[in-house]
N, C-alpha and C. Protein backbone atom coordinates (compact mmCIF):
# COMPACT_ATOMS: atom_id res chain seq x y z
N UNK A 1 104.76 112.75 88.05
CA UNK A 1 104.94 112.78 89.22
C UNK A 1 102.74 112.62 89.53
N UNK A 2 103.56 111.46 90.86
CA UNK A 2 102.71 111.20 90.99
C UNK A 2 101.30 112.05 91.27
N UNK A 3 100.26 111.79 91.37
CA UNK A 3 98.72 112.25 92.04
C UNK A 3 99.20 112.37 93.26
N UNK A 4 98.97 113.90 94.03
CA UNK A 4 98.99 113.88 95.26
C UNK A 4 97.60 112.93 96.26
N UNK A 5 97.85 112.05 97.50
CA UNK A 5 97.06 111.25 98.22
C UNK A 5 96.03 112.33 98.94
N UNK A 6 95.38 112.13 98.83
CA UNK A 6 93.79 112.57 99.16
C UNK A 6 94.12 112.81 100.29
N UNK A 7 93.62 113.71 101.74
CA UNK A 7 93.65 113.56 102.76
C UNK A 7 92.52 113.25 103.37
N UNK A 8 92.69 111.91 104.57
CA UNK A 8 91.27 111.05 104.60
C UNK A 8 91.45 111.09 106.36
N UNK A 9 90.77 111.79 106.58
CA UNK A 9 90.10 111.65 108.29
C UNK A 9 90.30 111.15 109.21
N UNK A 10 91.07 110.68 110.78
CA UNK A 10 92.30 109.89 111.01
C UNK A 10 90.81 109.27 111.51
N UNK A 11 89.29 109.71 111.92
CA UNK A 11 88.53 108.28 112.14
C UNK A 11 87.94 107.65 111.37
N UNK A 12 88.29 107.54 110.12
CA UNK A 12 87.42 107.49 108.59
C UNK A 12 87.79 105.53 109.11
N UNK A 13 86.75 105.15 108.34
CA UNK A 13 86.59 103.44 108.02
C UNK A 13 86.87 103.63 106.41
N UNK A 14 88.02 102.36 106.39
CA UNK A 14 88.22 102.53 105.13
C UNK A 14 87.41 101.12 104.84
N UNK A 15 86.91 101.33 103.64
CA UNK A 15 85.68 100.38 103.20
C UNK A 15 86.39 99.90 101.77
N UNK A 16 86.51 98.81 101.36
CA UNK A 16 87.45 97.80 100.39
C UNK A 16 86.39 96.95 99.63
N UNK A 17 86.09 96.93 98.26
CA UNK A 17 85.89 95.46 97.27
C UNK A 17 87.16 95.48 96.97
N UNK A 18 86.86 93.86 96.49
CA UNK A 18 87.79 93.85 95.96
C UNK A 18 87.40 92.98 94.52
N UNK A 19 87.21 92.77 93.80
CA UNK A 19 86.22 92.00 92.23
C UNK A 19 87.55 92.52 91.20
N UNK A 20 87.03 92.43 90.21
CA UNK A 20 87.91 91.63 88.84
C UNK A 20 86.58 92.39 87.46
N UNK A 21 87.75 93.27 86.49
CA UNK A 21 86.71 93.22 86.01
C UNK A 21 86.32 92.84 84.99
N UNK A 22 86.95 91.17 84.12
CA UNK A 22 85.72 90.27 84.01
C UNK A 22 84.66 90.08 84.70
N UNK A 23 84.36 89.85 86.03
CA UNK A 23 83.40 89.73 86.96
C UNK A 23 82.37 89.73 86.32
N UNK A 24 80.61 89.85 85.92
CA UNK A 24 80.16 89.38 86.75
C UNK A 24 78.73 90.09 87.40
N UNK A 25 79.72 89.06 88.24
CA UNK A 25 78.91 89.74 89.34
C UNK A 25 79.29 90.97 90.49
N UNK A 26 81.14 91.59 89.71
CA UNK A 26 81.33 92.25 90.52
C UNK A 26 80.39 93.98 89.79
N UNK A 27 80.35 93.45 88.09
CA UNK A 27 79.95 94.69 87.79
C UNK A 27 78.04 94.46 88.55
N UNK A 28 77.47 93.43 88.73
CA UNK A 28 75.97 93.56 89.20
C UNK A 28 75.94 93.48 90.46
N UNK A 29 77.59 93.91 91.51
CA UNK A 29 77.35 94.16 93.45
C UNK A 29 77.87 95.44 93.30
N UNK A 30 78.63 96.33 92.15
CA UNK A 30 78.19 97.95 92.30
C UNK A 30 77.83 98.52 92.85
N UNK A 31 76.31 98.02 92.29
CA UNK A 31 75.35 98.90 92.80
C UNK A 31 74.90 98.84 94.30
N UNK A 32 74.47 97.83 94.14
CA UNK A 32 74.98 96.83 95.56
C UNK A 32 75.39 98.01 96.90
N UNK A 33 76.83 98.11 96.70
CA UNK A 33 77.80 98.02 97.28
C UNK A 33 77.95 99.63 97.58
N UNK A 34 77.30 100.39 96.44
CA UNK A 34 77.78 101.92 96.74
C UNK A 34 76.14 101.74 97.32
N UNK A 35 74.96 101.64 97.15
CA UNK A 35 73.79 102.05 97.87
C UNK A 35 73.96 101.64 99.78
N UNK A 36 74.74 101.28 99.79
CA UNK A 36 74.70 100.10 101.29
C UNK A 36 75.55 101.21 102.06
N UNK A 37 76.89 101.38 101.32
CA UNK A 37 77.00 102.56 101.71
C UNK A 37 77.04 104.08 102.43
N UNK A 38 76.04 104.57 101.40
CA UNK A 38 75.11 105.69 101.50
C UNK A 38 73.94 105.35 101.94
N UNK A 39 73.66 104.60 102.37
CA UNK A 39 73.25 104.33 103.33
C UNK A 39 73.75 104.24 105.33
N UNK A 40 74.52 103.93 105.19
CA UNK A 40 75.12 104.40 106.39
C UNK A 40 76.09 105.32 106.64
N UNK A 41 76.60 106.47 105.94
CA UNK A 41 77.28 107.14 106.43
C UNK A 41 76.93 108.63 106.75
N UNK A 42 77.49 108.56 107.88
CA UNK A 42 77.25 109.44 108.50
C UNK A 42 78.59 110.83 108.37
N UNK A 43 78.44 111.81 108.84
CA UNK A 43 78.66 113.20 109.41
C UNK A 43 80.05 112.67 110.35
N UNK A 44 80.31 111.94 111.64
CA UNK A 44 80.03 111.73 112.78
C UNK A 44 82.29 110.88 112.33
N UNK A 45 81.29 109.42 111.77
CA UNK A 45 82.52 108.47 110.58
C UNK A 45 82.82 108.80 109.04
N UNK A 46 83.58 109.54 109.22
CA UNK A 46 83.41 109.20 106.59
C UNK A 46 83.89 107.58 106.20
N UNK A 47 83.38 107.66 105.54
CA UNK A 47 83.79 106.41 105.03
C UNK A 47 84.53 106.76 103.93
N UNK A 48 85.65 105.89 103.83
CA UNK A 48 86.44 105.74 102.89
C UNK A 48 86.62 104.81 101.54
N UNK A 49 85.74 104.69 100.52
CA UNK A 49 85.29 104.20 100.15
C UNK A 49 86.60 103.50 98.42
N UNK A 50 86.08 102.38 98.30
CA UNK A 50 87.85 101.60 97.52
C UNK A 50 87.55 100.46 97.34
N UNK A 51 87.24 100.96 95.72
CA UNK A 51 86.62 100.11 94.38
C UNK A 51 87.65 98.98 94.11
N UNK A 52 88.22 97.86 94.20
CA UNK A 52 89.95 97.32 93.60
C UNK A 52 89.31 96.58 92.53
N UNK A 53 90.10 96.83 91.72
CA UNK A 53 90.59 95.52 90.81
C UNK A 53 91.06 94.85 90.65
N UNK A 54 91.58 94.09 90.70
CA UNK A 54 92.99 93.14 91.63
C UNK A 54 94.03 93.02 90.70
N UNK A 55 93.16 92.81 88.85
CA UNK A 55 94.35 93.09 88.24
C UNK A 55 94.66 93.68 87.90
N UNK A 56 94.24 94.85 87.78
CA UNK A 56 94.50 97.28 87.05
C UNK A 56 95.18 96.78 88.92
N UNK A 57 95.30 96.49 90.11
CA UNK A 57 95.76 97.77 91.15
C UNK A 57 96.52 96.20 92.06
N UNK A 58 97.00 94.76 91.44
CA UNK A 58 97.98 94.62 91.90
C UNK A 58 99.08 94.35 92.76
N UNK A 59 99.57 96.19 92.75
CA UNK A 59 100.62 96.46 93.27
C UNK A 59 100.08 96.63 95.12
N UNK A 60 98.98 97.13 94.97
CA UNK A 60 97.95 97.78 95.81
C UNK A 60 97.34 96.77 96.77
N UNK A 61 96.93 95.65 96.39
CA UNK A 61 96.33 94.12 96.80
C UNK A 61 98.07 93.36 97.18
N UNK A 62 99.28 93.70 96.63
CA UNK A 62 100.27 92.44 97.09
C UNK A 62 99.66 91.52 97.50
N UNK A 63 100.54 91.27 98.11
CA UNK A 63 100.34 89.69 98.61
C UNK A 63 98.97 88.96 99.31
N UNK A 64 97.83 89.60 99.66
CA UNK A 64 96.72 89.19 99.60
C UNK A 64 96.27 88.70 99.29
N UNK A 65 95.39 87.01 99.08
CA UNK A 65 95.29 86.83 98.37
C UNK A 65 94.02 86.22 98.04
N UNK A 66 93.65 87.10 96.74
CA UNK A 66 91.33 86.92 96.66
C UNK A 66 91.63 85.67 95.77
N UNK A 67 90.80 85.00 96.33
CA UNK A 67 90.21 83.80 95.92
C UNK A 67 88.31 84.06 95.71
N UNK A 68 88.08 84.21 96.38
CA UNK A 68 86.18 84.59 95.48
C UNK A 68 86.09 86.08 95.61
N UNK A 69 84.35 86.89 94.42
CA UNK A 69 84.48 88.15 94.88
C UNK A 69 82.63 87.84 94.91
N UNK A 70 82.11 88.88 95.82
CA UNK A 70 82.98 89.56 96.33
C UNK A 70 83.85 90.02 97.08
N UNK A 71 85.01 90.65 98.02
CA UNK A 71 85.83 90.21 99.02
C UNK A 71 85.32 91.25 99.55
N UNK A 72 85.91 91.58 100.14
CA UNK A 72 84.91 93.18 101.44
C UNK A 72 86.43 93.15 102.38
N UNK A 73 87.19 93.92 102.84
CA UNK A 73 88.11 94.82 104.09
C UNK A 73 87.44 96.22 104.25
N UNK A 74 87.08 95.50 105.55
CA UNK A 74 87.20 97.40 106.45
C UNK A 74 87.94 97.42 107.69
N UNK A 75 88.38 98.57 107.45
CA UNK A 75 89.76 98.56 108.26
C UNK A 75 89.62 100.22 108.88
N UNK A 76 89.95 100.70 110.41
CA UNK A 76 89.66 101.64 110.58
C UNK A 76 91.50 102.17 111.03
N UNK A 77 91.24 102.80 111.75
CA UNK A 77 93.58 103.81 110.81
C UNK A 77 94.57 102.47 111.63
N UNK A 78 94.63 102.17 113.22
CA UNK A 78 94.52 101.50 113.30
C UNK A 78 94.35 99.92 112.99
N UNK A 79 93.44 99.15 112.89
CA UNK A 79 92.85 97.35 112.54
C UNK A 79 92.38 97.61 111.60
N UNK A 80 92.24 95.84 111.38
CA UNK A 80 91.49 95.23 110.37
C UNK A 80 89.91 95.38 111.32
N UNK A 81 88.79 95.67 110.93
CA UNK A 81 87.64 95.27 110.90
C UNK A 81 86.78 93.45 110.68
N UNK A 82 86.97 93.54 109.77
CA UNK A 82 86.41 92.37 108.63
C UNK A 82 87.46 92.08 107.23
N UNK A 83 87.33 91.20 107.01
CA UNK A 83 88.34 90.96 105.44
C UNK A 83 87.92 89.60 105.25
N UNK A 84 86.88 89.74 103.78
CA UNK A 84 87.27 87.67 103.97
C UNK A 84 85.47 88.03 102.54
N UNK A 85 85.36 86.76 102.04
CA UNK A 85 84.63 87.42 101.13
C UNK A 85 83.53 87.64 101.57
N UNK A 86 81.97 87.40 101.26
CA UNK A 86 80.43 87.47 101.72
C UNK A 86 79.11 87.40 99.92
N UNK A 87 78.70 87.10 100.08
CA UNK A 87 77.80 86.57 98.95
C UNK A 87 77.22 87.50 98.98
N UNK A 88 76.84 88.04 98.20
CA UNK A 88 76.12 89.55 97.34
C UNK A 88 75.18 89.91 97.25
N UNK A 89 74.77 89.99 98.68
CA UNK A 89 72.99 89.88 98.64
C UNK A 89 73.66 91.19 99.10
N UNK A 90 72.34 92.37 100.00
CA UNK A 90 73.10 93.75 100.35
C UNK A 90 72.44 93.32 101.44
N UNK A 91 71.89 92.32 102.33
CA UNK A 91 71.66 91.98 103.29
C UNK A 91 72.91 91.81 104.50
N UNK A 92 73.71 91.12 104.23
CA UNK A 92 74.72 90.73 104.18
C UNK A 92 75.44 91.99 104.19
N UNK A 93 75.55 92.36 103.36
CA UNK A 93 76.64 93.52 102.64
C UNK A 93 76.30 94.65 103.84
N UNK A 94 75.05 94.68 104.11
CA UNK A 94 74.97 96.27 105.50
C UNK A 94 74.95 95.88 106.93
N UNK A 95 74.06 94.35 107.04
CA UNK A 95 75.25 93.54 108.11
C UNK A 95 76.54 93.58 108.39
N UNK A 96 77.66 93.16 107.60
CA UNK A 96 79.10 93.63 107.71
C UNK A 96 79.35 94.47 107.98
N UNK A 97 78.94 95.57 107.28
CA UNK A 97 79.15 96.83 107.88
C UNK A 97 78.63 97.79 108.97
N UNK A 98 77.40 97.46 109.23
CA UNK A 98 76.97 98.25 110.39
C UNK A 98 77.96 97.41 112.03
N UNK A 99 78.37 95.70 111.60
CA UNK A 99 79.57 95.03 112.73
C UNK A 99 79.77 95.67 112.75
N UNK A 100 81.26 96.14 112.37
CA UNK A 100 82.67 97.27 111.97
C UNK A 100 82.58 98.47 112.10
N UNK A 101 80.91 99.10 111.55
CA UNK A 101 80.58 100.50 112.42
C UNK A 101 80.85 100.78 113.93
N UNK A 102 80.48 99.26 114.28
CA UNK A 102 80.46 99.10 115.78
C UNK A 102 80.62 98.55 116.63
N UNK A 103 81.48 98.16 115.76
CA UNK A 103 83.18 97.57 116.80
C UNK A 103 83.23 98.91 117.67
N UNK A 104 83.23 99.77 117.22
CA UNK A 104 84.29 100.67 118.03
C UNK A 104 85.97 100.75 117.22
N UNK A 105 86.79 99.90 118.92
CA UNK A 105 88.12 100.57 119.21
C UNK A 105 88.15 98.48 118.81
N UNK A 106 87.26 97.43 118.48
CA UNK A 106 88.16 96.05 118.19
C UNK A 106 88.43 95.95 116.71
N UNK A 107 88.78 95.11 116.67
CA UNK A 107 89.73 94.31 115.70
C UNK A 107 89.61 93.54 115.42
N UNK A 108 90.16 92.49 114.40
CA UNK A 108 90.57 91.31 114.80
C UNK A 108 91.80 90.90 114.87
N UNK A 109 91.93 90.16 115.51
CA UNK A 109 93.05 89.67 116.19
C UNK A 109 94.14 88.79 114.94
N UNK A 110 95.23 89.69 115.06
CA UNK A 110 96.03 88.86 113.81
C UNK A 110 96.68 87.29 112.73
N UNK A 111 96.04 86.74 114.14
CA UNK A 111 95.39 85.56 113.91
C UNK A 111 94.44 84.80 113.07
N UNK A 112 93.58 86.06 113.30
CA UNK A 112 92.30 85.55 112.84
C UNK A 112 91.73 86.11 110.92
N UNK A 113 92.86 86.86 110.75
CA UNK A 113 93.49 87.70 109.52
C UNK A 113 93.47 86.96 108.56
N UNK A 114 93.66 86.83 107.27
CA UNK A 114 94.18 85.77 105.57
C UNK A 114 95.13 87.06 105.89
N UNK A 115 96.21 86.00 105.07
CA UNK A 115 97.48 86.00 104.67
C UNK A 115 97.89 87.74 104.25
N UNK A 116 98.78 88.60 104.32
CA UNK A 116 98.54 89.84 103.66
C UNK A 116 98.27 90.50 103.95
N UNK A 117 96.55 90.44 104.66
CA UNK A 117 95.42 91.64 104.51
C UNK A 117 96.78 92.51 105.51
N UNK A 118 96.97 92.62 106.24
CA UNK A 118 96.96 93.51 107.88
C UNK A 118 98.47 94.70 105.84
N UNK A 119 98.96 93.55 105.67
CA UNK A 119 100.27 94.55 105.13
C UNK A 119 98.87 95.37 103.32
N UNK A 120 97.83 94.95 103.07
CA UNK A 120 97.37 95.46 102.40
C UNK A 120 96.46 96.26 103.14
N UNK A 121 96.11 96.64 104.32
CA UNK A 121 95.14 97.37 105.08
C UNK A 121 95.75 98.65 105.38
N UNK A 122 97.05 98.55 105.44
CA UNK A 122 97.84 100.30 105.46
C UNK A 122 98.37 100.02 104.10
N UNK A 123 98.96 99.35 103.34
CA UNK A 123 98.77 100.36 101.48
C UNK A 123 97.11 100.69 101.27
N UNK A 124 96.36 100.61 101.90
CA UNK A 124 94.47 101.08 101.54
C UNK A 124 94.25 102.26 102.43
N UNK A 125 95.06 102.68 103.21
CA UNK A 125 95.15 103.90 104.44
C UNK A 125 96.36 104.97 103.66
N UNK A 126 97.23 104.97 103.16
CA UNK A 126 97.94 105.22 102.10
C UNK A 126 97.44 106.09 101.05
N UNK A 127 96.89 105.14 100.21
CA UNK A 127 96.33 104.85 99.05
C UNK A 127 95.16 106.44 99.07
N UNK A 128 94.33 106.57 99.36
CA UNK A 128 93.24 107.73 100.03
C UNK A 128 92.05 106.66 99.38
N UNK A 129 90.77 107.48 98.41
CA UNK A 129 90.01 106.69 98.07
C UNK A 129 89.22 107.78 98.53
N UNK A 130 87.25 107.15 97.66
CA UNK A 130 86.59 108.67 97.56
C UNK A 130 85.85 108.20 99.33
N UNK A 131 86.03 109.87 99.36
CA UNK A 131 85.03 109.82 101.23
C UNK A 131 83.52 109.57 101.08
N UNK A 132 82.90 109.41 101.01
CA UNK A 132 81.55 109.70 101.48
C UNK A 132 81.30 110.40 102.93
């Protein structure tokens, strides 16, 4: 029997970093990712954190083609707010996350999203994650 999926508040912002276990850049990026999220968390807007190995969790990733590491996806309950690769600097991550948090109800137009990311975001919302 599968483990129960933790309940995530509807106002939570899902932040997923897609990586690979063999990627040394991803290894060094993990603490940067964690620190940036810790700095931005607030009681009013919970963050649901997902560190996803694209090979170990291929079913979750689905048809979303991740070509560059790290790749970040930020989604709220209805829409994707950011999807794409990032340079691995902490400042870049913080800027992207602040913009996503400030976007309110705005998301990206479907035409601006990489193929497969909408379906990935839907699976991500059901997947749970670690809530900050």
